[in-house]
Amino acid sequence: MNYHKNIYRFILTPALLFLISSSCRIEPIADPNNPGVVAISTNPTLGEIQNVVTGVESGMRDNINFYLDDCGVIGREFYRFSTSDPRFTSDLLGKGTATLDNNTFYITNPFAARYRVIKNLNILIAGLTNTTAAGVTPAKRLVGKAYANTIKAHELLMVLNLEYDNGIRIDVANPNALGPFLTRQQSLDSIASMLNTAYTVLTANASISFPFNSTLFGNTGDEFARFNRALAARVAVYRSDWAGALTALNNSFFNLNGSFNTGAYYLFSSAGGDQLNPMFFPQNSNGETRVAQPLFITQAEAGDTRLSKTPARTSSTTQDGLTSNYDFFVYKTNIDPIPLIRNEELILIYAEAKAQLGGANLADAVIAINKIRAAYNLLPFASASQAAIIDEMLKQRRYSLYGEGHRWIDMRRYNRLNTLPIDRPGDDVWVQFPVPANE
């Protein structure tokens, strides 16, 4: 099977209006003239099921820019300059006495967006359970629910990445009786379990197609199982489960010799009613823009072609005591896709797991690292020291996954936040975000 990124347009319909909410809670509104959440949960048509899936995959993109700005700015990958809101350079960077606020857009927006998707996935699960629509066989119900639980695990992990030791709510199926906040470890364990349970269903029904169309990664149990295992590998390294990461990779779309860009993506288009890529700013923008943290360029090895992500500006730009001569230019147009997860990350997960297991595995880690280095015009890495290999793996993650929301998380899980640069005297590097005030 040739797995690749799919570039399709999302079709947004008026049915998506019921998907809008401002927090974890969405109160069902029964309207006999305009069936809403109740009807879709109790006995949806195939068309209504498709509308929910379309809404889920569209909603996954909502506020993705705030999530990536949170991770990228705190992780000192780039600066987000904004003439309309100074909190990108004050709160997120801990300027002076500034702290992270629990009632501000940089946490309330991404937090609410992820839980909106989760709520709609719960509606999808209920609808698949209760529908009498023709053609929705028991096997199709199962793979459809496994799809929903795989996406739910992804969305929960994104919330946990911001909340960290504050933990998250896993059980939000009943808006009137939300489950408790679990610890970070409990949350990771629950997410891993959710993925594993879904994977068992997907592989047991490998040839069964979904009772709807998805644009994420295929439409059969076998295809989506590979995406599920890619996410499971990411979760495994977050749990320091190195052997588990390798097992998950073996059942994913991981390919040491394959295209780095094979994977699942958030898709954008300029079609009416659709969304544009919110991480795109034209080169040499001023006022509202993103610019590279200068050390990304000055600490790179000579000849590293990944510096194409941070081209030089025609003139430097400054805001709030911060200056850069380089643009953040990971996305070249306003309809470029943003990756959820792709093979380049999986190769680096493989290198990490092998390095952490040590011994004879170290040689495999070096092979994987050198696959990355060779692709970007760099000479082979030759050290046999486990510590040096781990350092090199983290360096390659820094440059390969730049701006994709990993650097802050990587430095945190390796207890290296203190190695991130302090841009101004008195700035802070935050460990986590506060729980939103309305929670």
Protein backbone atom coordinates (compact mmCIF):
# COMPACT_ATOMS: atom_id res chain seq x y z
CA MET A 1 0.00 0.00 0.00
CA ASN A 2 1.33 3.43 -0.92
CA TYR A 3 0.60 5.76 1.97
CA HIS A 4 0.92 9.44 1.25
CA LYS A 5 -0.42 12.77 2.33
CA ASN A 6 -3.82 13.42 0.84
CA ILE A 7 -4.63 16.94 -0.33
CA TYR A 8 -8.40 17.38 -0.40
CA ARG A 9 -10.71 20.22 0.44
CA PHE A 10 -12.91 20.13 3.48
CA ILE A 11 -16.56 20.66 2.64
CA LEU A 12 -18.17 22.76 5.34
CA THR A 13 -21.93 22.65 5.66
CA PRO A 14 -24.56 24.34 7.82
CA ALA A 15 -24.76 21.11 9.80
CA LEU A 16 -21.43 22.07 11.38
CA LEU A 17 -23.10 24.90 13.28
CA PHE A 18 -24.07 22.46 16.00
CA LEU A 19 -20.38 21.73 16.59
CA ILE A 20 -19.62 25.17 18.03
CA SER A 21 -19.05 25.58 21.75
CA SER A 22 -16.79 27.55 24.09
CA SER A 23 -15.69 24.83 26.52
CA CYS A 24 -15.86 21.12 27.30
CA ARG A 25 -19.62 21.47 27.82
CA ILE A 26 -22.02 21.34 24.86
CA GLU A 27 -25.64 21.26 25.88
CA PRO A 28 -27.85 19.28 23.46
CA ILE A 29 -30.69 21.33 21.97
CA ALA A 30 -33.66 19.34 20.77
CA ASP A 31 -35.50 21.05 17.92
CA PRO A 32 -38.16 19.02 16.10
CA ASN A 33 -37.89 21.23 13.01
CA ASN A 34 -34.07 21.20 12.84
CA PRO A 35 -32.66 17.94 14.21
CA GLY A 36 -29.50 18.61 16.19
CA VAL A 37 -27.27 16.79 18.63
CA VAL A 38 -30.05 14.60 20.04
CA ALA A 39 -31.12 13.30 16.62
CA ILE A 40 -27.57 12.76 15.47
CA SER A 41 -26.74 10.85 18.64
CA THR A 42 -29.84 8.68 18.58
CA ASN A 43 -30.44 7.73 14.94
CA PRO A 44 -28.38 9.62 12.37
CA THR A 45 -28.50 9.12 8.64
CA LEU A 46 -25.32 8.33 6.73
CA GLY A 47 -25.29 11.94 5.57
CA GLU A 48 -25.43 13.20 9.14
CA ILE A 49 -22.65 10.82 10.18
CA GLN A 50 -20.53 12.17 7.33
CA ASN A 51 -21.27 15.73 8.43
CA VAL A 52 -20.01 14.96 11.92
CA VAL A 53 -16.79 13.42 10.55
CA THR A 54 -16.28 16.39 8.22
CA GLY A 55 -16.85 18.69 11.19
CA VAL A 56 -14.38 16.73 13.32
CA GLU A 57 -11.62 16.90 10.74
CA SER A 58 -12.31 20.57 10.08
CA GLY A 59 -12.43 21.32 13.82
CA MET A 60 -9.08 19.64 14.39
CA ARG A 61 -7.56 22.63 12.60
CA ASP A 62 -9.26 25.21 14.81
CA ASN A 63 -6.78 27.26 16.85
CA ILE A 64 -3.89 25.04 15.75
CA ASN A 65 -1.91 28.27 15.38
CA PHE A 66 -2.27 29.00 19.11
CA TYR A 67 -1.05 25.50 19.99
CA LEU A 68 1.96 25.80 17.68
CA ASP A 69 2.71 29.34 18.88
CA ASP A 70 2.55 28.15 22.50
CA CYS A 71 5.03 25.37 21.84
CA GLY A 72 7.20 27.30 19.40
CA VAL A 73 7.55 30.53 21.36
CA ILE A 74 8.14 28.92 24.77
CA GLY A 75 10.45 26.42 23.07
CA ARG A 76 12.45 29.37 21.67
CA GLU A 77 12.02 28.27 18.07
CA PHE A 78 10.50 31.53 16.87
CA TYR A 79 9.01 34.81 18.04
CA ARG A 80 5.39 35.72 17.35
CA PHE A 81 5.35 39.47 16.82
CA SER A 82 1.92 41.07 17.07
CA THR A 83 1.06 44.75 17.09
CA SER A 84 -2.40 43.91 18.40
CA ASP A 85 -1.41 41.71 21.34
CA PRO A 86 1.86 41.99 23.29
CA ARG A 87 1.26 38.80 25.27
CA PHE A 88 3.01 36.67 22.66
CA THR A 89 6.29 38.30 23.66
CA SER A 90 5.52 39.05 27.31
CA ASP A 91 3.46 36.24 28.86
CA LEU A 92 4.75 33.37 26.71
CA LEU A 93 8.37 34.39 27.24
CA GLY A 94 7.93 35.31 30.90
CA LYS A 95 9.04 38.90 30.46
CA GLY A 96 9.80 40.60 33.79
CA THR A 97 6.92 39.84 36.16
CA ALA A 98 4.64 38.47 33.43
CA THR A 99 3.16 35.02 34.03
CA LEU A 100 0.86 32.72 32.11
CA ASP A 101 -2.78 33.68 32.66
CA ASN A 102 -5.45 31.00 33.04
CA ASN A 103 -8.07 33.10 31.27
CA THR A 104 -6.22 34.19 28.14
CA PHE A 105 -6.49 33.13 24.49
CA TYR A 106 -3.18 31.26 24.40
CA ILE A 107 -4.60 28.52 26.65
CA THR A 108 -8.39 28.93 26.53
CA ASN A 109 -8.55 28.79 22.71
CA PRO A 110 -6.53 25.62 22.06
CA PHE A 111 -7.96 23.91 25.15
CA ALA A 112 -11.57 24.56 24.11
CA ALA A 113 -10.93 23.68 20.47
CA ARG A 114 -9.55 20.25 21.32
CA TYR A 115 -12.42 19.43 23.67
CA ARG A 116 -14.96 20.59 21.06
CA VAL A 117 -13.54 17.96 18.72
CA ILE A 118 -13.64 15.37 21.49
CA LYS A 119 -17.29 16.19 22.22
CA ASN A 120 -18.13 15.74 18.55
CA LEU A 121 -16.28 12.43 18.50
CA ASN A 122 -18.43 11.29 21.41
CA ILE A 123 -21.49 12.32 19.38
CA LEU A 124 -20.12 10.29 16.46
CA ILE A 125 -19.63 7.24 18.69
CA ALA A 126 -23.19 7.51 20.00
CA GLY A 127 -24.52 7.98 16.48
CA LEU A 128 -22.66 4.94 15.16
CA THR A 129 -23.99 2.90 18.07
CA ASN A 130 -27.60 3.90 17.51
CA THR A 131 -28.01 4.45 13.78
CA THR A 132 -30.35 2.27 11.77
CA ALA A 133 -28.98 3.57 8.47
CA ALA A 134 -28.69 0.91 5.81
CA GLY A 135 -25.21 -0.45 5.25
CA VAL A 136 -23.83 0.33 8.70
CA THR A 137 -22.88 -3.24 9.58
CA PRO A 138 -21.56 -4.24 13.02
CA ALA A 139 -18.02 -4.29 11.62
CA LYS A 140 -18.43 -0.81 10.15
CA ARG A 141 -19.69 0.47 13.51
CA LEU A 142 -16.59 -0.95 15.17
CA VAL A 143 -14.06 0.58 12.77
CA GLY A 144 -15.92 3.88 12.83
CA LYS A 145 -15.69 3.98 16.62
CA ALA A 146 -12.02 2.98 16.48
CA TYR A 147 -11.44 5.93 14.14
CA ALA A 148 -13.17 8.21 16.66
CA ASN A 149 -11.15 6.92 19.61
CA THR A 150 -7.88 7.26 17.70
CA ILE A 151 -8.61 10.92 16.95
CA LYS A 152 -9.80 11.44 20.51
CA ALA A 153 -6.47 10.15 21.81
CA HIS A 154 -4.63 12.58 19.52
CA GLU A 155 -6.67 15.55 20.72
CA LEU A 156 -6.25 14.60 24.38
CA LEU A 157 -2.49 14.33 23.92
CA MET A 158 -2.39 17.86 22.54
CA VAL A 159 -4.17 19.16 25.63
CA LEU A 160 -1.82 17.20 27.89
CA ASN A 161 1.21 18.60 26.06
CA LEU A 162 0.18 22.05 27.26
CA GLU A 163 -1.07 21.08 30.72
CA TYR A 164 1.64 18.53 31.58
CA ASP A 165 1.72 17.99 35.37
CA ASN A 166 -1.68 19.62 35.76
CA GLY A 167 -3.12 16.60 33.98
CA ILE A 168 -6.32 16.57 31.94
CA ARG A 169 -9.86 15.28 31.94
CA ILE A 170 -10.15 12.07 29.95
CA ASP A 171 -13.80 11.28 30.64
CA VAL A 172 -15.93 14.09 29.21
CA ALA A 173 -18.68 11.99 27.63
CA ASN A 174 -21.32 13.37 30.02
CA PRO A 175 -21.15 17.19 30.08
CA ASN A 176 -23.17 17.21 33.29
CA ALA A 177 -20.79 14.85 35.09
CA LEU A 178 -17.28 15.43 33.80
CA GLY A 179 -14.59 13.05 34.96
CA PRO A 180 -11.77 14.22 37.22
CA PHE A 181 -8.45 15.63 36.15
CA LEU A 182 -6.03 12.71 36.01
CA THR A 183 -2.32 13.00 36.74
CA ARG A 184 0.09 13.32 33.84
CA GLN A 185 1.05 9.65 34.05
CA GLN A 186 -2.56 8.52 34.37
CA SER A 187 -3.46 10.70 31.38
CA LEU A 188 -0.67 9.23 29.24
CA ASP A 189 -1.62 5.72 30.28
CA SER A 190 -5.27 6.37 29.38
CA ILE A 191 -4.33 7.81 25.99
CA ALA A 192 -2.09 4.81 25.27
CA SER A 193 -4.87 2.44 26.29
CA MET A 194 -7.37 4.25 24.08
CA LEU A 195 -5.04 3.90 21.10
CA ASN A 196 -4.33 0.24 21.83
CA THR A 197 -8.01 -0.64 22.15
CA ALA A 198 -8.78 1.12 18.87
CA TYR A 199 -5.85 -0.62 17.18
CA THR A 200 -7.13 -4.05 18.20
CA VAL A 201 -10.47 -3.27 16.55
CA LEU A 202 -8.89 -1.82 13.41
CA THR A 203 -6.63 -4.82 12.82
CA ALA A 204 -9.42 -7.29 13.55
CA ASN A 205 -11.42 -5.57 10.81
CA ALA A 206 -8.53 -4.72 8.50
CA SER A 207 -10.45 -4.92 5.23
CA ILE A 208 -13.55 -3.11 6.51
CA SER A 209 -14.09 0.44 5.27
CA PHE A 210 -15.45 3.26 7.40
CA PRO A 211 -19.16 4.11 7.01
CA PHE A 212 -17.94 7.61 6.06
CA ASN A 213 -15.06 9.24 4.21
CA SER A 214 -12.00 10.58 6.04
CA THR A 215 -9.23 12.76 4.61
CA LEU A 216 -6.68 11.91 7.32
CA PHE A 217 -5.10 8.56 6.44
CA GLY A 218 -7.12 6.08 4.46
CA ASN A 219 -10.62 4.72 4.92
CA THR A 220 -10.13 1.09 5.99
CA GLY A 221 -9.22 -0.57 9.24
CA ASP A 222 -5.79 -1.59 7.95
CA GLU A 223 -4.90 1.85 6.64
CA PHE A 224 -6.02 3.74 9.73
CA ALA A 225 -4.33 1.22 12.01
CA ARG A 226 -0.99 2.39 10.61
CA PHE A 227 -1.79 5.98 11.55
CA ASN A 228 -2.95 4.79 14.98
CA ARG A 229 0.40 3.06 15.56
CA ALA A 230 2.33 6.15 14.51
CA LEU A 231 0.52 8.09 17.25
CA ALA A 232 1.13 5.19 19.65
CA ALA A 233 4.87 5.41 18.96
CA ARG A 234 4.84 9.11 19.88
CA VAL A 235 2.96 8.36 23.10
CA ALA A 236 5.36 5.52 23.89
CA VAL A 237 8.44 7.76 23.84
CA TYR A 238 6.58 10.27 26.01
CA ARG A 239 6.12 7.38 28.47
CA SER A 240 9.77 6.27 28.09
CA ASP A 241 8.47 2.95 26.75
CA TRP A 242 11.27 2.39 24.26
CA ALA A 243 10.46 -1.21 23.34
CA GLY A 244 6.80 -0.26 22.97
CA ALA A 245 7.75 2.55 20.62
CA LEU A 246 9.62 0.14 18.34
CA THR A 247 6.72 -2.31 18.32
CA ALA A 248 4.31 0.47 17.40
CA LEU A 249 6.63 1.70 14.64
CA ASN A 250 6.79 -1.77 13.11
CA ASN A 251 3.01 -1.64 12.64
CA SER A 252 2.84 1.98 11.48
CA PHE A 253 3.74 3.68 8.21
CA PHE A 254 7.33 4.05 9.45
CA ASN A 255 9.84 3.50 6.64
CA LEU A 256 13.53 4.13 7.23
CA ASN A 257 14.05 4.49 3.48
CA GLY A 258 10.75 6.14 2.65
CA SER A 259 9.65 9.70 2.01
CA PHE A 260 9.96 11.91 5.06
CA ASN A 261 6.61 13.50 4.24
CA THR A 262 4.43 10.40 4.27
CA GLY A 263 1.88 10.98 6.98
CA ALA A 264 -1.35 12.60 8.13
CA TYR A 265 -1.95 16.32 7.69
CA TYR A 266 -4.26 19.18 8.52
CA LEU A 267 -5.48 20.35 5.11
CA PHE A 268 -6.30 23.89 4.04
CA SER A 269 -7.70 25.56 0.95
CA SER A 270 -8.88 28.89 -0.38
CA ALA A 271 -12.33 27.51 -1.20
CA GLY A 272 -15.24 29.51 0.12
CA GLY A 273 -15.97 28.69 3.77
CA ASP A 274 -12.74 26.74 4.24
CA GLN A 275 -9.71 27.69 6.32
CA LEU A 276 -6.32 29.01 5.27
CA ASN A 277 -3.10 27.89 6.92
CA PRO A 278 -2.86 30.18 9.98
CA MET A 279 0.90 29.59 10.34
CA PHE A 280 1.67 31.29 7.03
CA PHE A 281 2.95 34.84 6.83
CA PRO A 282 4.61 36.16 3.64
CA GLN A 283 8.33 36.78 3.82
CA ASN A 284 9.43 40.15 5.19
CA SER A 285 6.09 40.75 6.90
CA ASN A 286 5.95 43.38 9.60
CA GLY A 287 3.50 44.02 12.40
CA GLU A 288 1.84 40.61 12.47
CA THR A 289 4.51 38.01 11.75
CA ARG A 290 6.64 35.14 12.99
CA VAL A 291 10.41 35.31 12.88
CA ALA A 292 13.03 32.73 13.74
CA GLN A 293 14.86 32.76 17.06
CA PRO A 294 18.36 33.65 15.77
CA LEU A 295 20.15 30.74 17.46
CA PHE A 296 18.31 28.31 15.19
CA ILE A 297 20.41 29.69 12.36
CA THR A 298 23.70 30.43 14.13
CA GLN A 299 23.84 27.02 15.86
CA ALA A 300 23.12 25.05 12.67
CA GLU A 301 25.83 23.10 10.89
CA ALA A 302 27.23 24.65 7.73
CA GLY A 303 25.32 23.55 4.66
CA ASP A 304 22.20 22.29 6.49
CA THR A 305 19.48 22.71 3.88
CA ARG A 306 16.77 22.81 6.55
CA LEU A 307 17.68 26.46 7.02
CA SER A 308 15.42 27.06 4.03
CA LYS A 309 12.70 27.15 6.70
CA THR A 310 14.23 30.40 8.01
CA PRO A 311 15.31 32.58 5.07
CA ALA A 312 17.04 35.89 5.71
CA ARG A 313 14.83 38.97 5.74
CA THR A 314 15.60 42.00 3.63
CA SER A 315 15.76 43.93 6.91
CA SER A 316 15.63 42.95 10.55
CA THR A 317 12.48 43.36 12.62
CA THR A 318 12.24 44.21 16.31
CA GLN A 319 9.51 44.11 18.91
CA ASP A 320 9.55 44.21 22.70
CA GLY A 321 13.33 44.07 22.88
CA LEU A 322 13.55 41.05 20.55
CA THR A 323 15.18 41.16 17.12
CA SER A 324 15.48 38.71 14.25
CA ASN A 325 16.93 38.85 10.76
CA TYR A 326 15.19 35.63 9.70
CA ASP A 327 11.61 34.71 8.87
CA PHE A 328 9.73 31.68 10.11
CA PHE A 329 8.88 30.28 6.68
CA VAL A 330 8.08 26.61 7.19
CA TYR A 331 4.91 26.98 5.11
CA LYS A 332 5.41 28.62 1.73
CA THR A 333 1.75 29.35 0.89
CA ASN A 334 -1.46 29.93 2.79
CA ILE A 335 -2.81 26.53 1.75
CA ASP A 336 0.20 24.37 2.66
CA PRO A 337 -0.77 21.40 4.88
CA ILE A 338 0.44 21.18 8.49
CA PRO A 339 1.52 17.70 9.66
CA LEU A 340 -0.16 15.82 12.48
CA ILE A 341 2.60 13.21 12.23
CA ARG A 342 4.91 12.15 9.42
CA ASN A 343 7.60 9.63 8.62
CA GLU A 344 10.51 11.96 9.44
CA GLU A 345 9.31 12.09 13.05
CA LEU A 346 8.91 8.32 13.07
CA ILE A 347 12.51 7.84 11.89
CA LEU A 348 13.65 10.06 14.75
CA ILE A 349 11.44 8.16 17.22
CA TYR A 350 13.14 4.99 15.99
CA ALA A 351 16.56 6.60 16.57
CA GLU A 352 15.49 7.73 20.05
CA ALA A 353 14.16 4.34 21.11
CA LYS A 354 17.23 2.54 19.80
CA ALA A 355 19.55 5.03 21.52
CA GLN A 356 17.73 4.68 24.83
CA LEU A 357 17.83 0.89 24.71
CA GLY A 358 21.62 1.10 24.29
CA GLY A 359 24.03 -1.74 23.60
CA ALA A 360 23.82 -3.20 20.13
CA ASN A 361 20.87 -0.88 19.39
CA LEU A 362 23.14 2.16 19.29
CA ALA A 363 24.38 1.29 15.80
CA ASP A 364 20.78 1.27 14.53
CA ALA A 365 20.21 4.68 16.10
CA VAL A 366 23.24 6.08 14.25
CA ILE A 367 22.01 4.61 10.95
CA ALA A 368 18.64 6.35 11.40
CA ILE A 369 20.27 9.65 12.38
CA ASN A 370 22.49 9.50 9.32
CA LYS A 371 19.46 8.93 7.08
CA ILE A 372 18.28 12.33 8.29
CA ARG A 373 21.69 14.00 8.04
CA ALA A 374 22.36 12.75 4.52
CA ALA A 375 19.03 14.09 3.30
CA TYR A 376 20.02 17.59 4.40
CA ASN A 377 23.55 17.71 3.00
CA LEU A 378 25.36 16.85 6.25
CA LEU A 379 28.28 14.47 6.75
CA PRO A 380 27.68 11.24 8.72
CA PHE A 381 27.60 11.25 12.49
CA ALA A 382 30.04 8.69 13.88
CA SER A 383 29.97 8.72 17.71
CA ALA A 384 29.26 5.45 19.53
CA SER A 385 28.57 7.12 22.89
CA GLN A 386 24.98 6.71 24.04
CA ALA A 387 24.91 10.23 25.52
CA ALA A 388 26.31 11.74 22.33
CA ILE A 389 23.80 9.83 20.19
CA ILE A 390 20.91 11.10 22.32
CA ASP A 391 22.24 14.66 22.02
CA GLU A 392 22.49 14.25 18.25
CA MET A 393 19.00 12.78 18.02
CA LEU A 394 17.58 15.79 19.87
CA LYS A 395 19.51 18.11 17.58
CA GLN A 396 18.06 16.44 14.51
CA ARG A 397 14.57 16.67 15.99
CA ARG A 398 15.19 20.39 16.51
CA TYR A 399 15.98 20.99 12.85
CA SER A 400 13.77 18.39 11.15
CA LEU A 401 10.62 19.10 13.18
CA TYR A 402 11.14 22.85 13.44
CA GLY A 403 7.90 24.72 14.07
CA GLU A 404 5.82 21.51 14.28
CA GLY A 405 5.30 21.73 18.05
CA HIS A 406 8.04 19.43 19.42
CA ARG A 407 11.06 21.37 20.70
CA TRP A 408 9.54 22.59 24.00
CA ILE A 409 8.10 19.12 24.67
CA ASP A 410 11.42 17.42 23.86
CA MET A 411 13.45 19.69 26.13
CA ARG A 412 10.92 19.22 28.92
CA ARG A 413 10.84 15.43 28.77
CA TYR A 414 14.66 15.36 28.82
CA ASN A 415 14.81 17.86 31.72
CA ARG A 416 16.68 20.33 29.51
CA LEU A 417 14.40 23.36 29.63
CA ASN A 418 17.25 25.19 31.35
CA THR A 419 19.28 24.86 28.14
CA LEU A 420 16.80 26.91 26.12
CA PRO A 421 17.98 30.48 25.52
CA ILE A 422 16.81 33.35 27.70
CA ASP A 423 16.08 36.11 25.23
CA ARG A 424 16.04 38.99 27.73
CA PRO A 425 17.31 39.22 31.31
CA GLY A 426 14.58 38.00 33.65
CA ASP A 427 12.66 35.98 31.05
CA ASP A 428 11.27 32.58 32.06
CA VAL A 429 10.93 29.22 30.35
CA TRP A 430 7.58 27.80 31.41
CA VAL A 431 7.05 24.13 32.17
CA GLN A 432 3.30 24.08 31.54
CA PHE A 433 0.16 26.14 31.14
CA PRO A 434 -2.37 26.73 33.91
CA VAL A 435 -5.73 24.97 33.80
CA PRO A 436 -8.22 27.34 32.12
CA ALA A 437 -10.29 29.36 34.57
CA ASN A 438 -13.61 27.90 33.39
CA GLU A 439 -12.39 24.39 34.23
